[in-house]
Protein backbone atom coordinates (compact mmCIF):
# COMPACT_ATOMS: atom_id res chain seq x y z
CA MET A 1 180.58 68.11 62.70
CA GLU A 2 176.88 68.06 61.93
CA GLY A 3 174.41 70.80 62.85
CA PRO A 4 172.87 69.39 66.07
CA ALA A 5 176.30 68.63 67.54
CA LEU A 6 177.41 72.19 66.89
CA LYS A 7 174.33 73.46 68.65
CA GLU A 8 174.91 71.21 71.67
CA ALA A 9 178.51 72.35 72.01
CA ALA A 10 177.35 75.94 72.51
CA HIS A 11 175.09 75.05 75.44
CA VAL A 12 176.05 74.85 79.09
CA PHE A 13 174.44 73.40 82.18
CA THR A 14 174.95 74.09 85.86
CA GLY A 15 174.30 70.71 87.48
CA ILE A 16 171.11 71.78 89.25
CA VAL A 17 168.62 69.00 88.44
CA GLU A 18 165.17 70.33 87.58
CA GLU A 19 163.25 67.08 87.81
CA ILE A 20 163.61 63.32 87.80
CA GLY A 21 162.36 61.90 84.52
CA GLU A 22 161.43 58.36 83.52
CA VAL A 23 162.53 56.50 80.41
CA THR A 24 159.37 55.35 78.64
CA ALA A 25 160.83 53.83 75.47
CA VAL A 26 164.18 52.62 74.12
CA GLU A 27 164.67 51.88 70.43
CA GLN A 28 167.89 50.56 68.93
CA LEU A 29 168.88 52.32 65.71
CA THR A 30 171.84 51.89 63.38
CA ASN A 31 174.85 53.14 65.36
CA ALA A 32 172.55 54.89 67.85
CA ALA A 33 169.67 54.51 70.28
CA ARG A 34 166.46 56.53 70.48
CA LEU A 35 165.09 57.29 73.94
CA ARG A 36 161.74 58.69 74.98
CA VAL A 37 161.70 60.32 78.39
CA ARG A 38 158.84 61.65 80.49
CA GLY A 39 159.63 65.11 81.87
CA PRO A 40 156.66 67.50 82.20
CA LEU A 41 158.75 70.37 83.55
CA VAL A 42 161.63 70.32 81.07
CA THR A 43 159.24 69.84 78.13
CA SER A 44 157.03 72.77 79.15
CA ASP A 45 159.00 75.11 76.87
CA ALA A 46 161.11 72.65 74.87
CA GLY A 47 161.04 72.18 71.13
CA HIS A 48 162.86 70.39 68.34
CA GLY A 49 166.60 71.13 68.48
CA ASP A 50 166.72 72.21 72.12
CA SER A 51 169.24 70.64 74.49
CA ILE A 52 168.36 68.71 77.64
CA ALA A 53 170.87 66.97 79.88
CA VAL A 54 169.79 63.41 80.66
CA SER A 55 171.74 62.19 83.69
CA GLY A 56 174.48 64.58 82.70
CA VAL A 57 174.53 63.82 78.97
CA CYS A 58 173.69 66.74 76.67
CA LEU A 59 171.19 65.51 74.08
CA THR A 60 169.24 67.22 71.32
CA VAL A 61 165.46 67.03 71.40
CA VAL A 62 163.99 65.37 68.32
CA GLU A 63 160.33 65.53 69.30
CA VAL A 64 158.13 66.75 72.16
CA ALA A 65 154.63 65.42 72.84
CA GLY A 66 152.44 64.89 75.89
CA GLY A 67 155.04 65.81 78.47
CA GLU A 68 157.62 63.50 76.90
CA PHE A 69 160.61 64.16 74.67
CA THR A 70 162.59 62.00 72.27
CA VAL A 71 166.37 62.08 71.79
CA ASP A 72 168.86 60.13 69.71
CA VAL A 73 172.06 58.91 71.41
CA VAL A 74 174.98 58.16 69.08
CA ASN A 75 177.46 55.32 69.64
CA GLU A 76 180.21 57.63 70.89
CA THR A 77 177.93 58.79 73.69
CA LEU A 78 176.71 55.27 74.43
CA GLN A 79 180.29 54.06 74.80
CA ARG A 80 181.21 56.84 77.21
CA SER A 81 178.10 56.94 79.38
CA SER A 82 175.67 54.79 81.35
CA LEU A 83 172.97 55.42 78.73
CA ALA A 84 174.15 52.28 76.93
CA LYS A 85 172.44 50.28 79.70
CA VAL A 86 169.34 52.44 80.16
CA ALA A 87 166.01 50.60 80.13
CA VAL A 88 162.31 51.44 80.19
CA GLY A 89 161.31 52.51 83.68
CA ASP A 90 164.74 53.87 84.64
CA ARG A 91 164.80 57.23 86.41
CA VAL A 92 167.08 59.94 85.02
CA ASN A 93 168.11 63.44 86.11
CA LEU A 94 166.90 66.19 83.77
CA GLU A 95 168.14 69.74 83.27
CA ARG A 96 167.47 72.21 80.48
CA ALA A 97 170.39 74.18 79.03
CA THR A 98 171.10 77.39 80.95
CA PRO A 99 169.89 80.48 79.06
CA ALA A 100 172.26 83.38 78.41
CA GLY A 101 172.32 85.53 81.53
CA GLY A 102 170.79 82.74 83.62
CA ARG A 103 171.79 82.05 87.20
CA LEU A 104 174.80 79.76 87.63
CA GLY A 105 173.58 77.60 90.49
CA GLY A 106 176.23 74.86 90.39
CA HIS A 107 179.29 74.99 88.14
CA ILE A 108 179.81 75.26 84.39
CA MET A 109 179.15 71.94 82.70
CA GLN A 110 179.00 70.97 79.03
CA GLY A 111 177.07 67.74 79.26
CA HIS A 112 180.02 65.97 77.66
CA VAL A 113 180.57 62.91 79.84
CA ASP A 114 184.22 61.95 80.37
CA GLY A 115 183.49 58.41 81.50
CA THR A 116 181.58 56.30 83.97
CA GLY A 117 182.19 55.71 87.66
CA VAL A 118 180.73 53.22 90.12
CA PHE A 119 178.64 53.99 93.20
CA LEU A 120 180.41 52.32 96.12
CA GLY A 121 178.35 53.33 99.13
CA ARG A 122 177.09 56.02 101.48
CA ASP A 123 177.52 56.34 105.23
CA GLU A 124 175.04 57.60 107.83
CA ASN A 125 176.28 61.17 107.37
CA GLY A 126 175.61 61.22 103.63
CA VAL A 127 179.27 60.90 102.65
CA THR A 128 179.08 59.04 99.36
CA THR A 129 181.98 57.30 97.64
CA PHE A 130 182.46 56.56 93.95
CA ALA A 131 185.12 54.70 92.02
CA MET A 132 186.43 56.51 88.96
CA PRO A 133 188.79 55.76 86.07
CA ALA A 134 192.35 56.47 87.18
CA HIS A 135 193.03 58.72 84.19
CA LEU A 136 190.37 61.18 85.38
CA SER A 137 191.76 61.60 88.90
CA ARG A 138 194.25 64.27 87.81
CA TYR A 139 191.33 66.58 87.00
CA VAL A 140 189.66 66.12 90.39
CA VAL A 141 190.79 68.05 93.48
CA GLU A 142 189.53 68.29 97.05
CA LYS A 143 186.90 71.05 97.34
CA GLY A 144 186.71 71.20 93.54
CA SER A 145 183.65 70.45 91.42
CA ILE A 146 182.59 67.27 89.65
CA ALA A 147 179.33 66.27 87.97
CA VAL A 148 177.84 62.88 88.85
CA ASP A 149 174.84 61.90 86.70
CA GLY A 150 174.46 65.58 85.91
CA VAL A 151 174.51 66.74 89.54
CA SER A 152 177.03 69.42 90.48
CA LEU A 153 178.91 68.22 93.57
CA THR A 154 181.86 69.32 95.69
CA VAL A 155 184.65 66.82 96.22
CA ALA A 156 185.22 66.06 99.91
CA ALA A 157 188.09 63.60 99.52
CA ILE A 158 190.01 61.89 96.71
CA THR A 159 192.44 59.03 96.08
CA ASP A 160 193.94 57.75 92.83
CA ASP A 161 190.78 55.90 91.85
CA GLN A 162 188.02 57.04 94.22
CA PHE A 163 186.40 60.24 95.40
CA ALA A 164 183.84 61.12 98.04
CA VAL A 165 181.16 63.80 98.23
CA ALA A 166 178.84 64.81 101.05
CA LEU A 167 175.21 64.66 99.91
CA ILE A 168 172.55 66.61 101.77
CA PRO A 169 169.04 65.13 102.19
CA THR A 170 167.60 67.47 99.54
CA THR A 171 170.04 66.21 96.90
CA LEU A 172 169.20 62.62 97.77
CA GLU A 173 165.50 63.41 97.45
CA VAL A 174 165.39 65.44 94.23
CA THR A 175 167.96 63.48 92.19
CA THR A 176 168.51 59.85 91.30
CA LEU A 177 171.54 59.68 93.59
CA GLY A 178 169.27 58.88 96.52
CA GLY A 179 168.28 55.59 94.89
CA ARG A 180 171.74 54.44 93.83
CA GLU A 181 172.94 51.04 95.03
CA PRO A 182 176.50 49.70 95.23
CA GLY A 183 177.72 48.70 91.79
CA ASP A 184 175.51 51.14 89.86
CA LEU A 185 177.19 53.01 87.01
CA VAL A 186 177.17 56.81 87.10
CA ASN A 187 178.17 59.40 84.51
CA LEU A 188 181.16 61.59 85.37
CA GLU A 189 182.11 64.97 83.94
CA VAL A 190 185.23 66.60 85.36
CA ASP A 191 185.81 70.34 85.47
CA VAL A 192 186.50 71.48 81.90
CA VAL A 193 188.71 74.29 83.21
CA ALA A 194 191.15 71.67 84.55
CA LYS A 195 191.42 70.08 81.11
CA TYR A 196 192.12 73.44 79.44
CA VAL A 197 194.78 74.25 82.06
CA GLU A 198 196.44 70.89 81.46
CA LYS A 199 196.54 71.41 77.70
CA LEU A 200 197.95 74.93 78.00
CA ALA A 201 200.53 73.79 80.54
CA GLU A 202 201.64 70.89 78.35
CA ALA A 203 202.13 73.23 75.39
CA HIS A 204 204.12 75.65 77.55
CA ILE A 205 206.35 72.89 78.94
CA ARG A 206 206.92 71.49 75.46
CA ASP A 207 207.95 74.91 74.15
CA GLN A 208 210.30 75.40 77.11
CA VAL A 209 211.96 72.04 76.48
CA GLN A 210 212.33 72.73 72.77
CA ASN A 211 213.82 76.17 73.45
CA ARG A 212 216.25 74.70 75.98
CA HIS A 213 217.41 72.03 73.57
CA GLY A 214 217.64 74.52 70.76
CA GLY A 215 219.79 76.84 72.83
CA ALA A 216 222.13 74.01 73.80
CA SER A 217 222.72 72.86 70.25
């Protein structure tokens, strides 16, 4: 794994969006895309090599100038996230990596998107429903946490392929979720703790089965 990726892996986010940025340029590279994003707040102390989450995707800053920053998005990330369809003028949620000892306002996030969901709709009470890939539903539980476009949210209800969250007016105002329309793609990151628990449980069950079979032979 190359240097920048190692640096990104060490950073965490909390899902508290600092500002809504605007994509000002998109350049297609070989096996990647280069984005330039306007974000006066997040660039106020940013420099080359720093990490900024763009709609929930942890990216490494290549350049900062005039309140804008440039990032490169590799194919793996493009295939897993909505950034593959990003265009000039699009609004994106921005959050700087949480410093050591910083306040954990939402929940621990890595900025490693697990897949994309689809905005289905929102009722008059702010209850918002998203479709999600069925294979991610096992990591999502009622009253648990999920990140949607980099926003830390609490799950209000869940089925095999959908989940709902209750969005307060402030969240709708200070994030891009307030402007979502039915059919829009959103980035999803499930709780990493759930994935670790699953892996540990699978290893434990496998060992138990092997020991049982070994004892019977």
